[in-house]
PDB file of N, CA and C in Angstrom:
ATOM      1  N   MET A   1       0.851  -1.166   0.000  1.00  0.00           N
ATOM      2  CA  MET A   1       0.000   0.000   0.000  1.00  0.00           C
ATOM      3  C   MET A   1       0.900   1.232   0.000  1.00  0.00           C
ATOM      4  N   ASN A   2       0.683   2.120  -0.965  1.00  0.00           N
ATOM      5  CA  ASN A   2       1.538   3.310  -1.037  1.00  0.00           C
ATOM      6  C   ASN A   2       1.036   4.395  -0.081  1.00  0.00           C
ATOM      7  N   THR A   3       1.801   5.461   0.085  1.00  0.00           N
ATOM      8  CA  THR A   3       1.537   6.511   1.063  1.00  0.00           C
ATOM      9  C   THR A   3       0.231   7.268   0.811  1.00  0.00           C
ATOM     10  N   PRO A   4      -0.082   7.702  -0.446  1.00  0.00           N
ATOM     11  CA  PRO A   4      -1.353   8.409  -0.631  1.00  0.00           C
ATOM     12  C   PRO A   4      -2.567   7.539  -0.297  1.00  0.00           C
ATOM     13  N   THR A   5      -2.482   6.263  -0.588  1.00  0.00           N
ATOM     14  CA  THR A   5      -3.605   5.375  -0.300  1.00  0.00           C
ATOM     15  C   THR A   5      -3.789   5.216   1.202  1.00  0.00           C
ATOM     16  N   ARG A   6      -2.689   5.206   1.945  1.00  0.00           N
ATOM     17  CA  ARG A   6      -2.765   5.082   3.399  1.00  0.00           C
ATOM     18  C   ARG A   6      -3.459   6.303   4.018  1.00  0.00           C
ATOM     19  N   CYS A   7      -3.307   7.472   3.411  1.00  0.00           N
ATOM     20  CA  CYS A   7      -3.926   8.689   3.947  1.00  0.00           C
ATOM     21  C   CYS A   7      -5.364   8.834   3.478  1.00  0.00           C
ATOM     22  N   ILE A   8      -5.619   8.461   2.248  1.00  0.00           N
ATOM     23  CA  ILE A   8      -6.945   8.662   1.669  1.00  0.00           C
ATOM     24  C   ILE A   8      -7.935   7.609   2.159  1.00  0.00           C
ATOM     25  N   ALA A   9      -7.512   6.388   2.321  1.00  0.00           N
ATOM     26  CA  ALA A   9      -8.414   5.305   2.703  1.00  0.00           C
ATOM     27  C   ALA A   9      -9.079   5.562   4.057  1.00  0.00           C
ATOM     28  N   PRO A  10      -8.344   5.926   5.118  1.00  0.00           N
ATOM     29  CA  PRO A  10      -9.028   6.190   6.400  1.00  0.00           C
ATOM     30  C   PRO A  10      -9.964   7.408   6.319  1.00  0.00           C
ATOM     31  N   ALA A  11      -9.558   8.434   5.563  1.00  0.00           N
ATOM     32  CA  ALA A  11     -10.417   9.611   5.434  1.00  0.00           C
ATOM     33  C   ALA A  11     -11.705   9.256   4.700  1.00  0.00           C
ATOM     34  N   LEU A  12     -11.594   8.455   3.657  1.00  0.00           N
ATOM     35  CA  LEU A  12     -12.769   8.030   2.902  1.00  0.00           C
ATOM     36  C   LEU A  12     -13.666   7.144   3.769  1.00  0.00           C
ATOM     37  N   PHE A  13     -13.054   6.247   4.534  1.00  0.00           N
ATOM     38  CA  PHE A  13     -13.830   5.386   5.423  1.00  0.00           C
ATOM     39  C   PHE A  13     -14.563   6.214   6.484  1.00  0.00           C
ATOM     40  N   ALA A  14     -13.900   7.218   7.042  1.00  0.00           N
ATOM     41  CA  ALA A  14     -14.523   8.079   8.051  1.00  0.00           C
ATOM     42  C   ALA A  14     -15.678   8.876   7.445  1.00  0.00           C
ATOM     43  N   ALA A  15     -15.502   9.354   6.205  1.00  0.00           N
ATOM     44  CA  ALA A  15     -16.570  10.105   5.555  1.00  0.00           C
ATOM     45  C   ALA A  15     -17.784   9.211   5.292  1.00  0.00           C
ATOM     46  N   LEU A  16     -17.542   7.991   4.850  1.00  0.00           N
ATOM     47  CA  LEU A  16     -18.642   7.062   4.603  1.00  0.00           C
ATOM     48  C   LEU A  16     -19.332   6.663   5.911  1.00  0.00           C
ATOM     49  N   LEU A  17     -18.569   6.508   6.965  1.00  0.00           N
ATOM     50  CA  LEU A  17     -19.133   6.135   8.249  1.00  0.00           C
ATOM     51  C   LEU A  17     -19.953   7.279   8.844  1.00  0.00           C
ATOM     52  N   ALA A  18     -19.561   8.514   8.569  1.00  0.00           N
ATOM     53  CA  ALA A  18     -20.308   9.667   9.089  1.00  0.00           C
ATOM     54  C   ALA A  18     -21.715   9.722   8.497  1.00  0.00           C
ATOM     55  N   GLY A  19     -21.895   9.177   7.304  1.00  0.00           N
ATOM     56  CA  GLY A  19     -23.219   9.153   6.702  1.00  0.00           C
ATOM     57  C   GLY A  19     -24.184   8.224   7.418  1.00  0.00           C
ATOM     58  N   CYS A  20     -23.667   7.315   8.224  1.00  0.00           N
ATOM     59  CA  CYS A  20     -24.517   6.368   8.950  1.00  0.00           C
ATOM     60  C   CYS A  20     -24.960   6.890  10.305  1.00  0.00           C
ATOM     61  N   VAL A  21     -24.430   8.027  10.736  1.00  0.00           N
ATOM     62  CA  VAL A  21     -24.778   8.569  12.042  1.00  0.00           C
ATOM     63  C   VAL A  21     -26.231   9.032  12.010  1.00  0.00           C
ATOM     64  N   ASN A  22     -26.985   8.659  13.007  1.00  0.00           N
ATOM     65  CA  ASN A  22     -28.402   8.973  13.060  1.00  0.00           C
ATOM     66  C   ASN A  22     -28.639   9.994  14.173  1.00  0.00           C
ATOM     67  N   THR A  23     -28.813  11.278  13.797  1.00  0.00           N
ATOM     68  CA  THR A  23     -29.014  12.325  14.796  1.00  0.00           C
ATOM     69  C   THR A  23     -30.424  12.891  14.764  1.00  0.00           C
ATOM     70  N   THR A  24     -31.201  12.608  13.746  1.00  0.00           N
ATOM     71  CA  THR A  24     -32.502  13.247  13.628  1.00  0.00           C
ATOM     72  C   THR A  24     -33.563  12.786  14.626  1.00  0.00           C
ATOM     73  N   PRO A  25     -33.542  11.573  15.179  1.00  0.00           N
ATOM     74  CA  PRO A  25     -34.607  11.246  16.136  1.00  0.00           C
ATOM     75  C   PRO A  25     -34.645  12.211  17.320  1.00  0.00           C
ATOM     76  N   ARG A  26     -33.479  12.630  17.778  1.00  0.00           N
ATOM     77  CA  ARG A  26     -33.452  13.579  18.889  1.00  0.00           C
ATOM     78  C   ARG A  26     -34.068  14.903  18.450  1.00  0.00           C
ATOM     79  N   TRP A  27     -33.740  15.350  17.239  1.00  0.00           N
ATOM     80  CA  TRP A  27     -34.296  16.606  16.732  1.00  0.00           C
ATOM     81  C   TRP A  27     -35.790  16.459  16.450  1.00  0.00           C
ATOM     82  N   ASP A  28     -36.183  15.332  15.878  1.00  0.00           N
ATOM     83  CA  ASP A  28     -37.587  15.116  15.543  1.00  0.00           C
ATOM     84  C   ASP A  28     -38.465  15.065  16.789  1.00  0.00           C
ATOM     85  N   ALA A  29     -37.945  14.561  17.873  1.00  0.00           N
ATOM     86  CA  ALA A  29     -38.734  14.476  19.095  1.00  0.00           C
ATOM     87  C   ALA A  29     -39.046  15.863  19.649  1.00  0.00           C
ATOM     88  N   GLN A  30     -38.193  16.837  19.358  1.00  0.00           N
ATOM     89  CA  GLN A  30     -38.397  18.189  19.862  1.00  0.00           C
ATOM     90  C   GLN A  30     -38.936  19.125  18.794  1.00  0.00           C
ATOM     91  N   PHE A  31     -39.276  18.613  17.620  1.00  0.00           N
ATOM     92  CA  PHE A  31     -39.747  19.460  16.525  1.00  0.00           C
ATOM     93  C   PHE A  31     -41.047  20.153  16.910  1.00  0.00           C
ATOM     94  N   GLY A  32     -41.069  21.481  16.826  1.00  0.00           N
ATOM     95  CA  GLY A  32     -42.256  22.254  17.134  1.00  0.00           C
ATOM     96  C   GLY A  32     -42.412  22.605  18.605  1.00  0.00           C
ATOM     97  N   ALA A  33     -41.473  22.209  19.442  1.00  0.00           N
ATOM     98  CA  ALA A  33     -41.593  22.480  20.875  1.00  0.00           C
ATOM     99  C   ALA A  33     -41.578  23.979  21.151  1.00  0.00           C
ATOM    100  N   ALA A  34     -40.742  24.728  20.451  1.00  0.00           N
ATOM    101  CA  ALA A  34     -40.674  26.172  20.672  1.00  0.00           C
ATOM    102  C   ALA A  34     -41.981  26.841  20.250  1.00  0.00           C
ATOM    103  N   THR A  35     -42.562  26.394  19.155  1.00  0.00           N
ATOM    104  CA  THR A  35     -43.821  26.965  18.692  1.00  0.00           C
ATOM    105  C   THR A  35     -44.942  26.667  19.686  1.00  0.00           C
ATOM    106  N   ARG A  36     -44.984  25.439  20.178  1.00  0.00           N
ATOM    107  CA  ARG A  36     -46.013  25.095  21.164  1.00  0.00           C
ATOM    108  C   ARG A  36     -45.816  25.886  22.454  1.00  0.00           C
ATOM    109  N   ALA A  37     -44.579  26.093  22.875  1.00  0.00           N
ATOM    110  CA  ALA A  37     -44.318  26.865  24.094  1.00  0.00           C
ATOM    111  C   ALA A  37     -44.726  28.321  23.906  1.00  0.00           C
ATOM    112  N   ASN A  38     -44.422  28.897  22.743  1.00  0.00           N
ATOM    113  CA  ASN A  38     -44.828  30.279  22.476  1.00  0.00           C
ATOM    114  C   ASN A  38     -46.338  30.421  22.446  1.00  0.00           C
ATOM    115  N   LEU A  39     -47.023  29.472  21.846  1.00  0.00           N
ATOM    116  CA  LEU A  39     -48.482  29.510  21.806  1.00  0.00           C
ATOM    117  C   LEU A  39     -49.070  29.386  23.210  1.00  0.00           C
ATOM    118  N   ALA A  40     -48.493  28.539  24.023  1.00  0.00           N
ATOM    119  CA  ALA A  40     -49.019  28.332  25.376  1.00  0.00           C
ATOM    120  C   ALA A  40     -48.897  29.590  26.227  1.00  0.00           C
ATOM    121  N   VAL A  41     -47.818  30.340  26.080  1.00  0.00           N
ATOM    122  CA  VAL A  41     -47.674  31.541  26.903  1.00  0.00           C
ATOM    123  C   VAL A  41     -48.515  32.693  26.385  1.00  0.00           C
ATOM    124  N   GLN A  42     -49.031  32.608  25.161  1.00  0.00           N
ATOM    125  CA  GLN A  42     -49.873  33.658  24.613  1.00  0.00           C
ATOM    126  C   GLN A  42     -51.335  33.490  25.007  1.00  0.00           C
ATOM    127  N   VAL A  43     -51.710  32.325  25.462  1.00  0.00           N
ATOM    128  CA  VAL A  43     -53.100  32.064  25.830  1.00  0.00           C
ATOM    129  C   VAL A  43     -53.306  32.513  27.271  1.00  0.00           C
ATOM    130  N   LEU A  44     -54.091  33.562  27.437  1.00  0.00           N
ATOM    131  CA  LEU A  44     -54.329  34.095  28.769  1.00  0.00           C
ATOM    132  C   LEU A  44     -55.347  33.236  29.521  1.00  0.00           C
ATOM    133  N   ASP A  45     -56.443  32.921  28.861  1.00  0.00           N
ATOM    134  CA  ASP A  45     -57.494  32.121  29.492  1.00  0.00           C
ATOM    135  C   ASP A  45     -57.977  31.086  28.484  1.00  0.00           C
ATOM    136  N   PRO A  46     -57.548  29.844  28.606  1.00  0.00           N
ATOM    137  CA  PRO A  46     -57.961  28.826  27.636  1.00  0.00           C
ATOM    138  C   PRO A  46     -59.466  28.581  27.613  1.00  0.00           C
ATOM    139  N   ALA A  47     -60.172  28.867  28.691  1.00  0.00           N
ATOM    140  CA  ALA A  47     -61.606  28.621  28.761  1.00  0.00           C
ATOM    141  C   ALA A  47     -62.412  29.864  28.398  1.00  0.00           C
ATOM    142  N   ALA A  48     -61.819  30.861  27.795  1.00  0.00           N
ATOM    143  CA  ALA A  48     -62.523  32.107  27.498  1.00  0.00           C
ATOM    144  C   ALA A  48     -63.668  31.903  26.507  1.00  0.00           C
ATOM    145  N   GLY A  49     -63.556  30.967  25.617  1.00  0.00           N
ATOM    146  CA  GLY A  49     -64.613  30.721  24.645  1.00  0.00           C
ATOM    147  C   GLY A  49     -65.893  30.194  25.261  1.00  0.00           C
ATOM    148  N   ARG A  50     -65.789  29.572  26.411  1.00  0.00           N
ATOM    149  CA  ARG A  50     -66.974  29.029  27.091  1.00  0.00           C
ATOM    150  C   ARG A  50     -67.606  30.032  28.045  1.00  0.00           C
ATOM    151  N   ASN A  51     -67.010  31.217  28.220  1.00  0.00           N
ATOM    152  CA  ASN A  51     -67.535  32.228  29.131  1.00  0.00           C
ATOM    153  C   ASN A  51     -68.742  32.915  28.488  1.00  0.00           C
ATOM    154  N   GLN A  52     -69.903  32.808  29.101  1.00  0.00           N
ATOM    155  CA  GLN A  52     -71.127  33.386  28.562  1.00  0.00           C
ATOM    156  C   GLN A  52     -71.374  34.812  29.056  1.00  0.00           C
ATOM    157  N   ASN A  53     -70.630  35.270  30.038  1.00  0.00           N
ATOM    158  CA  ASN A  53     -70.810  36.611  30.581  1.00  0.00           C
ATOM    159  C   ASN A  53     -70.079  37.629  29.701  1.00  0.00           C
ATOM    160  N   PRO A  54     -70.728  38.744  29.393  1.00  0.00           N
ATOM    161  CA  PRO A  54     -70.046  39.757  28.606  1.00  0.00           C
ATOM    162  C   PRO A  54     -68.953  40.424  29.439  1.00  0.00           C
ATOM    163  N   THR A  55     -68.059  41.066  28.764  1.00  0.00           N
ATOM    164  CA  THR A  55     -66.991  41.768  29.453  1.00  0.00           C
ATOM    165  C   THR A  55     -67.567  42.918  30.249  1.00  0.00           C
ATOM    166  N   LEU A  56     -67.209  43.003  31.494  1.00  0.00           N
ATOM    167  CA  LEU A  56     -67.728  44.051  32.364  1.00  0.00           C
ATOM    168  C   LEU A  56     -66.870  45.306  32.223  1.00  0.00           C
ATOM    169  N   GLY A  57     -67.536  46.468  32.315  1.00  0.00           N
ATOM    170  CA  GLY A  57     -66.811  47.724  32.309  1.00  0.00           C
ATOM    171  C   GLY A  57     -66.639  48.357  30.952  1.00  0.00           C
ATOM    172  N   VAL A  58     -67.152  47.782  29.894  1.00  0.00           N
ATOM    173  CA  VAL A  58     -67.043  48.368  28.559  1.00  0.00           C
ATOM    174  C   VAL A  58     -68.415  48.879  28.150  1.00  0.00           C
ATOM    175  N   ASP A  59     -68.505  50.185  27.954  1.00  0.00           N
ATOM    176  CA  ASP A  59     -69.741  50.809  27.504  1.00  0.00           C
ATOM    177  C   ASP A  59     -69.987  50.404  26.057  1.00  0.00           C
ATOM    178  N   GLY A  60     -71.217  50.074  25.713  1.00  0.00           N
ATOM    179  CA  GLY A  60     -71.539  49.627  24.361  1.00  0.00           C
ATOM    180  C   GLY A  60     -71.236  50.672  23.303  1.00  0.00           C
ATOM    181  N   ARG A  61     -71.628  51.931  23.560  1.00  0.00           N
ATOM    182  CA  ARG A  61     -71.371  52.990  22.575  1.00  0.00           C
ATOM    183  C   ARG A  61     -69.870  53.237  22.419  1.00  0.00           C
ATOM    184  N   ALA A  62     -69.140  53.210  23.529  1.00  0.00           N
ATOM    185  CA  ALA A  62     -67.691  53.434  23.463  1.00  0.00           C
ATOM    186  C   ALA A  62     -67.011  52.298  22.700  1.00  0.00           C
ATOM    187  N   ALA A  63     -67.450  51.071  22.941  1.00  0.00           N
ATOM    188  CA  ALA A  63     -66.868  49.931  22.240  1.00  0.00           C
ATOM    189  C   ALA A  63     -67.157  50.002  20.750  1.00  0.00           C
ATOM    190  N   LYS A  64     -68.404  50.375  20.385  1.00  0.00           N
ATOM    191  CA  LYS A  64     -68.745  50.487  18.964  1.00  0.00           C
ATOM    192  C   LYS A  64     -67.939  51.605  18.315  1.00  0.00           C
ATOM    193  N   GLY A  65     -67.773  52.735  19.007  1.00  0.00           N
ATOM    194  CA  GLY A  65     -66.985  53.833  18.467  1.00  0.00           C
ATOM    195  C   GLY A  65     -65.533  53.436  18.254  1.00  0.00           C
ATOM    196  N   ALA A  66     -64.978  52.718  19.205  1.00  0.00           N
ATOM    197  CA  ALA A  66     -63.596  52.265  19.071  1.00  0.00           C
ATOM    198  C   ALA A  66     -63.458  51.302  17.900  1.00  0.00           C
ATOM    199  N   HIS A  67     -64.430  50.412  17.758  1.00  0.00           N
ATOM    200  CA  HIS A  67     -64.386  49.461  16.651  1.00  0.00           C
ATOM    201  C   HIS A  67     -64.524  50.176  15.309  1.00  0.00           C
ATOM    202  N   ASP A  68     -65.412  51.154  15.233  1.00  0.00           N
ATOM    203  CA  ASP A  68     -65.583  51.906  13.985  1.00  0.00           C
ATOM    204  C   ASP A  68     -64.323  52.691  13.633  1.00  0.00           C
ATOM    205  N   ARG A  69     -63.692  53.319  14.614  1.00  0.00           N
ATOM    206  CA  ARG A  69     -62.445  54.046  14.353  1.00  0.00           C
ATOM    207  C   ARG A  69     -61.358  53.092  13.871  1.00  0.00           C
ATOM    208  N   TYR A  70     -61.314  51.908  14.447  1.00  0.00           N
ATOM    209  CA  TYR A  70     -60.343  50.899  14.032  1.00  0.00           C
ATOM    210  C   TYR A  70     -60.577  50.503  12.570  1.00  0.00           C
ATOM    211  N   GLN A  71     -61.818  50.279  12.198  1.00  0.00           N
ATOM    212  CA  GLN A  71     -62.128  49.903  10.823  1.00  0.00           C
ATOM    213  C   GLN A  71     -61.802  51.036   9.850  1.00  0.00           C
ATOM    214  N   ARG A  72     -62.108  52.278  10.228  1.00  0.00           N
ATOM    215  CA  ARG A  72     -61.808  53.426   9.358  1.00  0.00           C
ATOM    216  C   ARG A  72     -60.313  53.658   9.198  1.00  0.00           C
ATOM    217  N   SER A  73     -59.527  53.222  10.158  1.00  0.00           N
ATOM    218  CA  SER A  73     -58.081  53.450  10.063  1.00  0.00           C
ATOM    219  C   SER A  73     -57.484  52.702   8.874  1.00  0.00           C
ATOM    220  N   PHE A  74     -58.147  51.639   8.425  1.00  0.00           N
ATOM    221  CA  PHE A  74     -57.648  50.896   7.269  1.00  0.00           C
ATOM    222  C   PHE A  74     -58.141  51.500   5.957  1.00  0.00           C
ATOM    223  N   ALA A  75     -59.197  52.299   5.992  1.00  0.00           N
ATOM    224  CA  ALA A  75     -59.767  52.881   4.774  1.00  0.00           C
ATOM    225  C   ALA A  75     -59.006  54.132   4.348  1.00  0.00           C
ATOM    226  N   GLN A  76     -58.295  54.791   5.258  1.00  0.00           N
ATOM    227  CA  GLN A  76     -57.572  56.010   4.908  1.00  0.00           C
ATOM    228  C   GLN A  76     -56.353  55.654   4.069  1.00  0.00           C
ATOM    229  N   PRO A  77     -56.121  56.401   2.973  1.00  0.00           N
ATOM    230  CA  PRO A  77     -54.934  56.114   2.170  1.00  0.00           C
ATOM    231  C   PRO A  77     -53.673  56.500   2.938  1.00  0.00           C
ATOM    232  N   GLU A  78     -52.640  55.776   2.670  1.00  0.00           N
ATOM    233  CA  GLU A  78     -51.373  56.061   3.331  1.00  0.00           C
ATOM    234  C   GLU A  78     -50.774  57.323   2.734  1.00  0.00           C
ATOM    235  N   SER A  79     -50.180  58.131   3.586  1.00  0.00           N
ATOM    236  CA  SER A  79     -49.539  59.343   3.088  1.00  0.00           C
ATOM    237  C   SER A  79     -48.210  58.974   2.430  1.00  0.00           C
ATOM    238  N   ALA A  80     -47.796  59.810   1.494  1.00  0.00           N
ATOM    239  CA  ALA A  80     -46.544  59.560   0.782  1.00  0.00           C
ATOM    240  C   ALA A  80     -45.373  59.748   1.741  1.00  0.00           C
ATOM    241  N   PRO A  81     -44.353  58.926   1.622  1.00  0.00           N
ATOM    242  CA  PRO A  81     -43.198  59.093   2.499  1.00  0.00           C
ATOM    243  C   PRO A  81     -42.454  60.385   2.149  1.00  0.00           C
ATOM    244  N   PRO A  82     -41.770  60.964   3.106  1.00  0.00           N
ATOM    245  CA  PRO A  82     -41.035  62.196   2.811  1.00  0.00           C
ATOM    246  C   PRO A  82     -39.950  61.930   1.768  1.00  0.00           C
ATOM    247  N   PRO A  83     -39.629  62.942   0.967  1.00  0.00           N
ATOM    248  CA  PRO A  83     -38.607  62.718  -0.065  1.00  0.00           C
ATOM    249  C   PRO A  83     -37.251  62.436   0.567  1.00  0.00           C
ATOM    250  N   LEU A  84     -36.486  61.603  -0.104  1.00  0.00           N
ATOM    251  CA  LEU A  84     -35.169  61.233   0.366  1.00  0.00           C
ATOM    252  C   LEU A  84     -34.180  62.305  -0.070  1.00  0.00           C
ATOM    253  N   VAL A  85     -33.476  62.880   0.881  1.00  0.00           N
ATOM    254  CA  VAL A  85     -32.492  63.928   0.584  1.00  0.00           C
ATOM    255  C   VAL A  85     -31.124  63.358   0.899  1.00  0.00           C
ATOM    256  N   ILE A  86     -30.260  63.368  -0.100  1.00  0.00           N
ATOM    257  CA  ILE A  86     -28.897  62.879   0.084  1.00  0.00           C
ATOM    258  C   ILE A  86     -27.954  64.073  -0.067  1.00  0.00           C
ATOM    259  N   ASN A  87     -27.214  64.348   0.974  1.00  0.00           N
ATOM    260  CA  ASN A  87     -26.252  65.437   0.950  1.00  0.00           C
ATOM    261  C   ASN A  87     -24.898  64.841   0.598  1.00  0.00           C
ATOM    262  N   ALA A  88     -24.374  65.229  -0.552  1.00  0.00           N
ATOM    263  CA  ALA A  88     -23.095  64.682  -1.020  1.00  0.00           C
ATOM    264  C   ALA A  88     -21.909  65.500  -0.522  1.00  0.00           C
ATOM    265  N   GLY A  89     -22.158  66.468   0.316  1.00  0.00           N
ATOM    266  CA  GLY A  89     -21.062  67.259   0.864  1.00  0.00           C
ATOM    267  C   GLY A  89     -20.791  68.523   0.075  1.00  0.00           C
ATOM    268  N   ALA A  90     -21.522  68.777  -0.979  1.00  0.00           N
ATOM    269  CA  ALA A  90     -21.329  69.988  -1.775  1.00  0.00           C
ATOM    270  C   ALA A  90     -21.979  71.153  -1.063  1.00  0.00           C
ATOM    271  N   ARG A  91     -21.344  72.346  -1.172  1.00  0.00           N
ATOM    272  CA  ARG A  91     -21.900  73.523  -0.496  1.00  0.00           C
ATOM    273  C   ARG A  91     -22.513  74.464  -1.479  1.00  0.00           C
TER     274      ARG A  91
END
């Protein structure tokens, strides 16, 4: 066996053996865990959908006015952005 073959053969064997390493089951078991954790902390009251009592302390007219203002905020056209001024250092 010559010298280049002695160096290349173990490297090739190691590369082929690395393809057999199985690391995904550990990753697959935790897939989506961060998303589920984020969703869980965003839910204030999981049973809120079953609550039949209206929210206390909100005046009906005030709530309707707030909702109408919210809806109108999307109907207004956006104003044009201010013009871009580039100063090149000229006086």
